Amino acid sequence: MIFGVGVDIIEVARVEDKLTRTPGLREKLYTPVEVKYCESKKFPYEHYAARFAAKEAFMKALGTGWSQGVKFSEIEIHNLESGQPVIEVYGRAKEFCQAEGIGRFYVSLSHLKSKAVATVILEK
C-alpha cells in the first residue's frame, strides 16, 4: 500500500551557491557517504542537487515536512553497485517510518546542468 508520493525540483546553481557560501551546510544536509559520492563526480553540484531534491521529495511523501523533527542528514541517498539510487533513513526519520509501518522506499533522480529532480514513493 502506498503511504505517500513526493516530487521536488531544484536549480543546481542555487545548491552550489548555498554550499559554497555557507560553512557547515554540506555536513548539515548530507551524510559522509553522500559527500564522498558527490565529490567523486566531475560535476558534484548536480549530484548534491539531485540528493537535496530527493530529501525534499521524501519529506513531502511523509506528509510531515519538518514538523516531526526529521533532519536532512537522517535521509541518505546512496547508489547500489548497479547505479540504482536507494534511500536509507536514520534517527527520527527511521523512527517515524517504523511507527507508520513504512517499510519500502523508492527513489528516482535525474539532473541536467541547471536542474535536478527527484520522485519518492513510500510503501507500507
N, C-alpha and C. Protein backbone atom coordinates (compact mmCIF):
# COMPACT_ATOMS: atom_id res chain seq x y z
N MET A 1 0.85 -1.18 0.00
CA MET A 1 0.00 0.00 0.00
C MET A 1 0.89 1.24 0.00
N ILE A 2 0.57 2.19 -0.86
CA ILE A 2 1.36 3.42 -0.93
C ILE A 2 0.99 4.34 0.23
N PHE A 3 2.00 4.79 0.94
CA PHE A 3 1.82 5.73 2.04
C PHE A 3 1.86 7.16 1.53
N GLY A 4 2.80 7.44 0.62
CA GLY A 4 2.92 8.81 0.12
C GLY A 4 3.83 8.89 -1.09
N VAL A 5 3.65 9.98 -1.85
CA VAL A 5 4.46 10.26 -3.02
C VAL A 5 4.94 11.70 -2.91
N GLY A 6 6.19 11.93 -3.25
CA GLY A 6 6.74 13.27 -3.24
C GLY A 6 7.58 13.52 -4.46
N VAL A 7 7.55 14.75 -4.95
CA VAL A 7 8.36 15.17 -6.11
C VAL A 7 8.97 16.51 -5.77
N ASP A 8 10.21 16.72 -6.20
CA ASP A 8 10.85 18.02 -6.00
C ASP A 8 11.80 18.31 -7.15
N ILE A 9 11.92 19.58 -7.47
CA ILE A 9 12.86 20.04 -8.50
C ILE A 9 13.61 21.24 -7.93
N ILE A 10 14.88 21.34 -8.25
CA ILE A 10 15.69 22.44 -7.73
C ILE A 10 16.73 22.85 -8.76
N GLU A 11 17.14 24.11 -8.70
CA GLU A 11 18.19 24.62 -9.58
C GLU A 11 19.55 24.24 -9.01
N VAL A 12 20.40 23.68 -9.83
CA VAL A 12 21.73 23.26 -9.41
C VAL A 12 22.53 24.47 -8.91
N ALA A 13 22.44 25.59 -9.59
CA ALA A 13 23.20 26.79 -9.21
C ALA A 13 22.83 27.26 -7.80
N ARG A 14 21.59 27.12 -7.43
CA ARG A 14 21.14 27.52 -6.09
C ARG A 14 21.82 26.65 -5.02
N VAL A 15 21.89 25.36 -5.26
CA VAL A 15 22.55 24.44 -4.32
C VAL A 15 24.04 24.75 -4.26
N GLU A 16 24.66 24.93 -5.40
CA GLU A 16 26.09 25.25 -5.43
C GLU A 16 26.38 26.54 -4.66
N ASP A 17 25.59 27.56 -4.88
CA ASP A 17 25.77 28.84 -4.20
C ASP A 17 25.67 28.68 -2.68
N LYS A 18 24.64 28.00 -2.23
CA LYS A 18 24.43 27.82 -0.78
C LYS A 18 25.55 26.99 -0.16
N LEU A 19 25.97 25.93 -0.83
CA LEU A 19 27.01 25.06 -0.26
C LEU A 19 28.38 25.74 -0.24
N THR A 20 28.66 26.58 -1.22
CA THR A 20 29.97 27.23 -1.26
C THR A 20 30.02 28.46 -0.36
N ARG A 21 28.89 29.06 -0.07
CA ARG A 21 28.88 30.29 0.74
C ARG A 21 28.52 30.08 2.21
N THR A 22 28.02 28.90 2.56
CA THR A 22 27.57 28.68 3.94
C THR A 22 28.40 27.58 4.61
N PRO A 23 29.35 27.96 5.45
CA PRO A 23 30.18 26.95 6.13
C PRO A 23 29.32 25.99 6.96
N GLY A 24 29.65 24.71 6.85
CA GLY A 24 28.96 23.68 7.64
C GLY A 24 27.64 23.20 7.07
N LEU A 25 27.15 23.85 6.02
CA LEU A 25 25.86 23.45 5.47
C LEU A 25 25.92 22.07 4.83
N ARG A 26 27.00 21.79 4.14
CA ARG A 26 27.16 20.49 3.48
C ARG A 26 27.01 19.35 4.51
N GLU A 27 27.65 19.50 5.66
CA GLU A 27 27.60 18.48 6.70
C GLU A 27 26.23 18.43 7.38
N LYS A 28 25.52 19.53 7.37
CA LYS A 28 24.18 19.57 7.97
C LYS A 28 23.15 18.87 7.07
N LEU A 29 23.33 18.97 5.76
CA LEU A 29 22.35 18.43 4.81
C LEU A 29 22.67 17.03 4.32
N TYR A 30 23.95 16.67 4.27
CA TYR A 30 24.36 15.42 3.63
C TYR A 30 25.16 14.54 4.58
N THR A 31 25.06 13.24 4.38
CA THR A 31 25.85 12.29 5.16
C THR A 31 27.26 12.20 4.55
N PRO A 32 28.21 11.67 5.31
CA PRO A 32 29.56 11.48 4.75
C PRO A 32 29.56 10.62 3.48
N VAL A 33 28.69 9.63 3.42
CA VAL A 33 28.58 8.78 2.23
C VAL A 33 28.16 9.62 1.01
N GLU A 34 27.20 10.50 1.20
CA GLU A 34 26.73 11.35 0.10
C GLU A 34 27.80 12.33 -0.35
N VAL A 35 28.49 12.94 0.62
CA VAL A 35 29.55 13.90 0.30
C VAL A 35 30.64 13.21 -0.51
N LYS A 36 31.07 12.03 -0.06
CA LYS A 36 32.11 11.29 -0.78
C LYS A 36 31.68 10.98 -2.21
N TYR A 37 30.43 10.53 -2.37
CA TYR A 37 29.92 10.21 -3.70
C TYR A 37 29.90 11.46 -4.60
N CYS A 38 29.30 12.53 -4.11
CA CYS A 38 29.16 13.74 -4.92
C CYS A 38 30.52 14.32 -5.29
N GLU A 39 31.43 14.34 -4.33
CA GLU A 39 32.76 14.92 -4.58
C GLU A 39 33.58 14.08 -5.55
N SER A 40 33.20 12.83 -5.76
CA SER A 40 33.92 11.97 -6.71
C SER A 40 33.50 12.22 -8.16
N LYS A 41 32.48 13.05 -8.35
CA LYS A 41 31.93 13.29 -9.68
C LYS A 41 32.53 14.53 -10.32
N LYS A 42 32.54 14.56 -11.65
CA LYS A 42 33.08 15.70 -12.40
C LYS A 42 32.28 16.97 -12.12
N PHE A 43 30.97 16.85 -12.00
CA PHE A 43 30.09 17.98 -11.70
C PHE A 43 29.35 17.69 -10.40
N PRO A 44 30.02 17.84 -9.27
CA PRO A 44 29.44 17.40 -7.99
C PRO A 44 28.13 18.09 -7.62
N TYR A 45 27.94 19.34 -8.00
CA TYR A 45 26.74 20.05 -7.55
C TYR A 45 25.47 19.54 -8.20
N GLU A 46 25.57 18.93 -9.37
CA GLU A 46 24.40 18.28 -9.97
C GLU A 46 23.95 17.12 -9.07
N HIS A 47 24.90 16.41 -8.51
CA HIS A 47 24.60 15.26 -7.66
C HIS A 47 24.12 15.70 -6.27
N TYR A 48 24.72 16.77 -5.75
CA TYR A 48 24.22 17.33 -4.49
C TYR A 48 22.78 17.79 -4.67
N ALA A 49 22.51 18.46 -5.78
CA ALA A 49 21.16 18.98 -6.03
C ALA A 49 20.15 17.84 -6.15
N ALA A 50 20.51 16.77 -6.85
CA ALA A 50 19.60 15.63 -7.00
C ALA A 50 19.29 15.01 -5.64
N ARG A 51 20.30 14.91 -4.79
CA ARG A 51 20.08 14.35 -3.46
C ARG A 51 19.25 15.28 -2.58
N PHE A 52 19.47 16.57 -2.72
CA PHE A 52 18.65 17.53 -1.99
C PHE A 52 17.19 17.40 -2.42
N ALA A 53 16.96 17.32 -3.73
CA ALA A 53 15.59 17.16 -4.24
C ALA A 53 14.97 15.87 -3.71
N ALA A 54 15.75 14.81 -3.61
CA ALA A 54 15.23 13.53 -3.11
C ALA A 54 14.84 13.65 -1.64
N LYS A 55 15.63 14.37 -0.87
CA LYS A 55 15.31 14.55 0.55
C LYS A 55 14.04 15.38 0.71
N GLU A 56 13.90 16.42 -0.10
CA GLU A 56 12.66 17.22 -0.09
C GLU A 56 11.47 16.37 -0.51
N ALA A 57 11.65 15.57 -1.55
CA ALA A 57 10.56 14.70 -2.02
C ALA A 57 10.19 13.68 -0.95
N PHE A 58 11.18 13.17 -0.23
CA PHE A 58 10.93 12.23 0.86
C PHE A 58 10.06 12.89 1.93
N MET A 59 10.42 14.11 2.32
CA MET A 59 9.63 14.84 3.32
C MET A 59 8.19 15.05 2.85
N LYS A 60 8.04 15.37 1.57
CA LYS A 60 6.69 15.56 1.02
C LYS A 60 5.92 14.24 1.05
N ALA A 61 6.59 13.15 0.73
CA ALA A 61 5.92 11.84 0.76
C ALA A 61 5.52 11.46 2.18
N LEU A 62 6.32 11.84 3.16
CA LEU A 62 5.96 11.59 4.56
C LEU A 62 4.71 12.38 4.95
N GLY A 63 4.54 13.53 4.31
CA GLY A 63 3.39 14.37 4.63
C GLY A 63 3.58 15.19 5.90
N THR A 64 4.82 15.26 6.38
CA THR A 64 5.08 15.96 7.64
C THR A 64 5.94 17.19 7.48
N GLY A 65 6.73 17.26 6.41
CA GLY A 65 7.70 18.33 6.32
C GLY A 65 8.65 18.24 7.49
N TRP A 66 8.95 19.36 8.10
CA TRP A 66 9.87 19.42 9.23
C TRP A 66 9.16 19.20 10.57
N SER A 67 7.85 19.07 10.57
CA SER A 67 7.10 19.07 11.83
C SER A 67 7.40 17.88 12.74
N GLN A 68 7.94 16.81 12.22
CA GLN A 68 8.25 15.63 13.05
C GLN A 68 9.71 15.61 13.49
N GLY A 69 10.43 16.68 13.23
CA GLY A 69 11.82 16.76 13.66
C GLY A 69 12.80 15.96 12.83
N VAL A 70 12.42 15.57 11.63
CA VAL A 70 13.30 14.82 10.74
C VAL A 70 14.32 15.79 10.14
N LYS A 71 15.60 15.39 10.18
CA LYS A 71 16.68 16.21 9.64
C LYS A 71 17.10 15.66 8.28
N PHE A 72 17.59 16.55 7.43
CA PHE A 72 18.05 16.12 6.11
C PHE A 72 19.16 15.09 6.22
N SER A 73 20.03 15.23 7.21
CA SER A 73 21.14 14.29 7.36
C SER A 73 20.69 12.91 7.82
N GLU A 74 19.41 12.76 8.18
CA GLU A 74 18.87 11.46 8.56
C GLU A 74 18.29 10.70 7.37
N ILE A 75 18.32 11.35 6.21
CA ILE A 75 17.83 10.74 4.97
C ILE A 75 19.04 10.65 4.05
N GLU A 76 19.45 9.44 3.74
CA GLU A 76 20.65 9.25 2.93
C GLU A 76 20.28 8.63 1.58
N ILE A 77 20.80 9.22 0.52
CA ILE A 77 20.62 8.69 -0.82
C ILE A 77 21.97 8.13 -1.26
N HIS A 78 22.02 6.83 -1.47
CA HIS A 78 23.25 6.25 -1.99
C HIS A 78 22.89 5.32 -3.15
N ASN A 79 23.89 4.82 -3.81
CA ASN A 79 23.66 4.01 -5.00
C ASN A 79 24.11 2.58 -4.80
N LEU A 80 23.32 1.66 -5.32
CA LEU A 80 23.73 0.27 -5.37
C LEU A 80 24.84 0.12 -6.39
N GLU A 81 25.50 -1.01 -6.41
CA GLU A 81 26.55 -1.26 -7.39
C GLU A 81 26.05 -1.08 -8.82
N SER A 82 24.77 -1.38 -9.04
CA SER A 82 24.16 -1.24 -10.37
C SER A 82 23.96 0.22 -10.77
N GLY A 83 24.09 1.14 -9.79
CA GLY A 83 23.84 2.55 -10.06
C GLY A 83 22.48 3.03 -9.57
N GLN A 84 21.61 2.08 -9.24
CA GLN A 84 20.27 2.43 -8.76
C GLN A 84 20.35 3.21 -7.45
N PRO A 85 19.70 4.37 -7.38
CA PRO A 85 19.69 5.10 -6.11
C PRO A 85 18.71 4.47 -5.13
N VAL A 86 19.09 4.48 -3.86
CA VAL A 86 18.24 3.95 -2.79
C VAL A 86 18.27 4.92 -1.61
N ILE A 87 17.27 4.80 -0.76
CA ILE A 87 17.16 5.65 0.42
C ILE A 87 17.39 4.80 1.66
N GLU A 88 18.16 5.35 2.58
CA GLU A 88 18.34 4.76 3.90
C GLU A 88 18.03 5.86 4.91
N VAL A 89 17.32 5.52 5.97
CA VAL A 89 16.96 6.53 6.97
C VAL A 89 17.55 6.19 8.32
N TYR A 90 17.77 7.23 9.11
CA TYR A 90 18.36 7.11 10.43
C TYR A 90 17.58 8.00 11.40
N GLY A 91 17.86 7.83 12.68
CA GLY A 91 17.33 8.74 13.69
C GLY A 91 15.83 8.88 13.67
N ARG A 92 15.37 10.10 13.77
CA ARG A 92 13.93 10.41 13.83
C ARG A 92 13.20 9.97 12.56
N ALA A 93 13.87 10.08 11.42
CA ALA A 93 13.25 9.64 10.16
C ALA A 93 12.94 8.15 10.21
N LYS A 94 13.88 7.37 10.73
CA LYS A 94 13.69 5.92 10.84
C LYS A 94 12.58 5.60 11.84
N GLU A 95 12.58 6.29 12.98
CA GLU A 95 11.54 6.08 13.99
C GLU A 95 10.15 6.37 13.43
N PHE A 96 10.03 7.48 12.70
CA PHE A 96 8.74 7.85 12.12
C PHE A 96 8.27 6.79 11.12
N CYS A 97 9.17 6.35 10.26
CA CYS A 97 8.81 5.33 9.26
C CYS A 97 8.39 4.03 9.93
N GLN A 98 9.12 3.63 10.96
CA GLN A 98 8.76 2.40 11.67
C GLN A 98 7.39 2.55 12.34
N ALA A 99 7.14 3.69 12.96
CA ALA A 99 5.85 3.92 13.64
C ALA A 99 4.69 3.90 12.66
N GLU A 100 4.92 4.36 11.45
CA GLU A 100 3.86 4.40 10.43
C GLU A 100 3.79 3.13 9.59
N GLY A 101 4.70 2.20 9.82
CA GLY A 101 4.71 0.96 9.05
C GLY A 101 5.26 1.12 7.65
N ILE A 102 6.03 2.16 7.42
CA ILE A 102 6.63 2.38 6.10
C ILE A 102 7.88 1.52 6.00
N GLY A 103 7.87 0.58 5.08
CA GLY A 103 8.97 -0.37 5.00
C GLY A 103 9.77 -0.33 3.72
N ARG A 104 9.25 0.32 2.69
CA ARG A 104 9.97 0.36 1.41
C ARG A 104 9.97 1.78 0.89
N PHE A 105 11.12 2.15 0.32
CA PHE A 105 11.30 3.48 -0.26
C PHE A 105 11.73 3.31 -1.71
N TYR A 106 11.15 4.08 -2.59
CA TYR A 106 11.54 4.09 -3.99
C TYR A 106 11.94 5.51 -4.35
N VAL A 107 13.05 5.65 -5.06
CA VAL A 107 13.51 6.98 -5.44
C VAL A 107 14.03 6.95 -6.87
N SER A 108 13.73 8.02 -7.59
CA SER A 108 14.25 8.21 -8.92
C SER A 108 14.83 9.62 -8.99
N LEU A 109 16.05 9.73 -9.51
CA LEU A 109 16.75 11.00 -9.61
C LEU A 109 17.06 11.30 -11.07
N SER A 110 17.07 12.58 -11.40
CA SER A 110 17.51 12.99 -12.72
C SER A 110 18.07 14.40 -12.61
N HIS A 111 19.08 14.68 -13.42
CA HIS A 111 19.63 16.03 -13.40
C HIS A 111 20.22 16.41 -14.73
N LEU A 112 20.19 17.70 -14.96
CA LEU A 112 20.83 18.33 -16.10
C LEU A 112 21.84 19.31 -15.52
N LYS A 113 22.48 20.06 -16.37
CA LYS A 113 23.44 21.05 -15.90
C LYS A 113 22.78 22.08 -14.97
N SER A 114 21.53 22.43 -15.24
CA SER A 114 20.90 23.52 -14.49
C SER A 114 19.84 23.09 -13.48
N LYS A 115 19.27 21.88 -13.62
CA LYS A 115 18.16 21.46 -12.74
C LYS A 115 18.34 20.01 -12.31
N ALA A 116 17.78 19.72 -11.14
CA ALA A 116 17.73 18.34 -10.64
C ALA A 116 16.33 18.07 -10.15
N VAL A 117 15.86 16.84 -10.34
CA VAL A 117 14.52 16.46 -9.94
C VAL A 117 14.57 15.08 -9.30
N ALA A 118 13.64 14.86 -8.36
CA ALA A 118 13.56 13.55 -7.71
C ALA A 118 12.11 13.23 -7.41
N THR A 119 11.80 11.94 -7.47
CA THR A 119 10.48 11.42 -7.09
C THR A 119 10.72 10.33 -6.06
N VAL A 120 9.91 10.36 -4.99
CA VAL A 120 10.00 9.36 -3.93
C VAL A 120 8.63 8.77 -3.69
N ILE A 121 8.56 7.46 -3.55
CA ILE A 121 7.34 6.74 -3.18
C ILE A 121 7.64 5.96 -1.92
N LEU A 122 6.76 6.10 -0.93
CA LEU A 122 6.89 5.36 0.32
C LEU A 122 5.78 4.32 0.38
N GLU A 123 6.15 3.09 0.75
CA GLU A 123 5.20 1.98 0.77
C GLU A 123 5.12 1.39 2.17
N LYS A 124 3.87 1.11 2.58
CA LYS A 124 3.64 0.43 3.86
C LYS A 124 3.73 -1.05 3.66
